[in-house]
Amino acid sequence: MEDSKLEVSIIDDRPIIVSQQEIEKRRRINFDTLGSFAVDNIPTNPDTQHIFRDFEEGKIATSKEVKALLHAHYTKIALEDN
């Protein structure tokens, strides 16, 4: 868990790199997605929420970067379990 706190501080220092219009679009999509999760009673992962929050707020430019960060996170977990 402490590792995820470190990741948050590194990612949170990134500048906003997308337009305000793109941020608003991402916020709407995220709102709808989280609403769907709530309706279906699907829990979110608190260890990865900072990645989605940073994407939503424009600190991560592409979904490809999000995918890479998530892959790195879950790969680390898988390696720790072995």
C-alpha atoms as a PDB file:
ATOM      1  CA  MET A   1       0.000   0.000   0.000  1.00  0.00           C
ATOM      2  CA  GLU A   2       2.858   2.395   0.695  1.00  0.00           C
ATOM      3  CA  ASP A   3       4.091   1.899  -2.868  1.00  0.00           C
ATOM      4  CA  SER A   4       0.780   3.185  -4.224  1.00  0.00           C
ATOM      5  CA  LYS A   5       1.141   6.341  -2.118  1.00  0.00           C
ATOM      6  CA  LEU A   6       4.523   6.897  -3.774  1.00  0.00           C
ATOM      7  CA  GLU A   7       2.975   6.477  -7.215  1.00  0.00           C
ATOM      8  CA  VAL A   8       0.279   9.019  -6.352  1.00  0.00           C
ATOM      9  CA  SER A   9       2.809  11.706  -5.479  1.00  0.00           C
ATOM     10  CA  ILE A  10       4.807  11.089  -8.649  1.00  0.00           C
ATOM     11  CA  ILE A  11       1.781  11.151 -10.936  1.00  0.00           C
ATOM     12  CA  ASP A  12       0.082  14.070  -9.130  1.00  0.00           C
ATOM     13  CA  ASP A  13       3.062  16.294  -9.922  1.00  0.00           C
ATOM     14  CA  ARG A  14       2.447  15.962 -13.652  1.00  0.00           C
ATOM     15  CA  PRO A  15       1.093  19.025 -15.477  1.00  0.00           C
ATOM     16  CA  ILE A  16      -2.293  19.066 -17.182  1.00  0.00           C
ATOM     17  CA  ILE A  17      -1.578  18.131 -20.798  1.00  0.00           C
ATOM     18  CA  VAL A  18      -5.004  18.011 -22.452  1.00  0.00           C
ATOM     19  CA  SER A  19      -7.616  20.659 -23.207  1.00  0.00           C
ATOM     20  CA  GLN A  20     -10.350  21.698 -20.781  1.00  0.00           C
ATOM     21  CA  GLN A  21     -12.876  20.292 -23.268  1.00  0.00           C
ATOM     22  CA  GLU A  22     -11.147  16.889 -23.132  1.00  0.00           C
ATOM     23  CA  ILE A  23     -11.118  16.996 -19.320  1.00  0.00           C
ATOM     24  CA  GLU A  24     -14.862  17.706 -19.263  1.00  0.00           C
ATOM     25  CA  LYS A  25     -15.459  14.796 -21.669  1.00  0.00           C
ATOM     26  CA  ARG A  26     -13.379  12.471 -19.483  1.00  0.00           C
ATOM     27  CA  ARG A  27     -15.254  13.596 -16.364  1.00  0.00           C
ATOM     28  CA  ARG A  28     -18.607  12.757 -17.989  1.00  0.00           C
ATOM     29  CA  ILE A  29     -17.359   9.341 -19.090  1.00  0.00           C
ATOM     30  CA  ASN A  30     -15.878   8.611 -15.656  1.00  0.00           C
ATOM     31  CA  PHE A  31     -19.092   9.727 -13.929  1.00  0.00           C
ATOM     32  CA  ASP A  32     -21.142   7.367 -16.110  1.00  0.00           C
ATOM     33  CA  THR A  33     -18.676   4.514 -15.616  1.00  0.00           C
ATOM     34  CA  LEU A  34     -18.597   4.861 -11.834  1.00  0.00           C
ATOM     35  CA  GLY A  35     -22.393   5.070 -11.852  1.00  0.00           C
ATOM     36  CA  SER A  36     -22.550   1.766 -13.740  1.00  0.00           C
ATOM     37  CA  PHE A  37     -20.162   0.205 -11.249  1.00  0.00           C
ATOM     38  CA  ALA A  38     -22.335   1.396  -8.368  1.00  0.00           C
ATOM     39  CA  VAL A  39     -25.554   0.086  -9.933  1.00  0.00           C
ATOM     40  CA  ASP A  40     -23.928  -3.311 -10.511  1.00  0.00           C
ATOM     41  CA  ASN A  41     -22.290  -3.192  -7.048  1.00  0.00           C
ATOM     42  CA  ILE A  42     -18.811  -3.585  -8.553  1.00  0.00           C
ATOM     43  CA  PRO A  43     -16.134  -2.249  -6.199  1.00  0.00           C
ATOM     44  CA  THR A  44     -13.395   0.016  -7.502  1.00  0.00           C
ATOM     45  CA  ASN A  45      -9.766  -0.695  -6.674  1.00  0.00           C
ATOM     46  CA  PRO A  46      -8.440   2.041  -4.384  1.00  0.00           C
ATOM     47  CA  ASP A  47      -4.861   1.171  -5.383  1.00  0.00           C
ATOM     48  CA  THR A  48      -5.514   2.146  -9.002  1.00  0.00           C
ATOM     49  CA  GLN A  49      -7.989   5.008  -8.618  1.00  0.00           C
ATOM     50  CA  HIS A  50      -5.185   7.589  -8.759  1.00  0.00           C
ATOM     51  CA  ILE A  51      -4.421   6.432 -12.312  1.00  0.00           C
ATOM     52  CA  PHE A  52      -8.005   6.959 -13.453  1.00  0.00           C
ATOM     53  CA  ARG A  53      -8.241  10.257 -11.546  1.00  0.00           C
ATOM     54  CA  ASP A  54      -5.082  11.556 -13.215  1.00  0.00           C
ATOM     55  CA  PHE A  55      -6.396  10.512 -16.630  1.00  0.00           C
ATOM     56  CA  GLU A  56      -9.711  12.211 -15.922  1.00  0.00           C
ATOM     57  CA  GLU A  57      -7.978  15.409 -14.814  1.00  0.00           C
ATOM     58  CA  GLY A  58      -5.705  15.515 -17.876  1.00  0.00           C
ATOM     59  CA  LYS A  59      -2.423  14.588 -16.212  1.00  0.00           C
ATOM     60  CA  ILE A  60      -2.197  11.452 -18.355  1.00  0.00           C
ATOM     61  CA  ALA A  61      -2.618  12.134 -22.063  1.00  0.00           C
ATOM     62  CA  THR A  62      -3.772   8.821 -23.515  1.00  0.00           C
ATOM     63  CA  SER A  63      -5.623   5.675 -22.589  1.00  0.00           C
ATOM     64  CA  LYS A  64      -2.548   3.805 -23.820  1.00  0.00           C
ATOM     65  CA  GLU A  65      -0.576   5.342 -20.933  1.00  0.00           C
ATOM     66  CA  VAL A  66      -3.352   4.327 -18.521  1.00  0.00           C
ATOM     67  CA  LYS A  67      -3.176   0.770 -19.808  1.00  0.00           C
ATOM     68  CA  ALA A  68       0.616   0.708 -19.352  1.00  0.00           C
ATOM     69  CA  LEU A  69       0.345   2.006 -15.766  1.00  0.00           C
ATOM     70  CA  LEU A  70      -2.343  -0.547 -14.925  1.00  0.00           C
ATOM     71  CA  HIS A  71      -0.311  -3.321 -16.522  1.00  0.00           C
ATOM     72  CA  ALA A  72       2.733  -2.327 -14.461  1.00  0.00           C
ATOM     73  CA  HIS A  73       0.649  -2.223 -11.273  1.00  0.00           C
ATOM     74  CA  TYR A  74      -0.926  -5.646 -11.757  1.00  0.00           C
ATOM     75  CA  THR A  75       2.314  -7.203 -13.011  1.00  0.00           C
ATOM     76  CA  LYS A  76       4.003  -6.057  -9.818  1.00  0.00           C
ATOM     77  CA  ILE A  77       1.234  -7.654  -7.761  1.00  0.00           C
ATOM     78  CA  ALA A  78       1.472 -10.901  -9.733  1.00  0.00           C
ATOM     79  CA  LEU A  79       5.240 -11.043  -9.252  1.00  0.00           C
ATOM     80  CA  GLU A  80       4.892 -10.390  -5.515  1.00  0.00           C
ATOM     81  CA  ASP A  81       2.411 -13.277  -5.239  1.00  0.00           C
ATOM     82  CA  ASN A  82       4.890 -15.720  -6.811  1.00  0.00           C
END
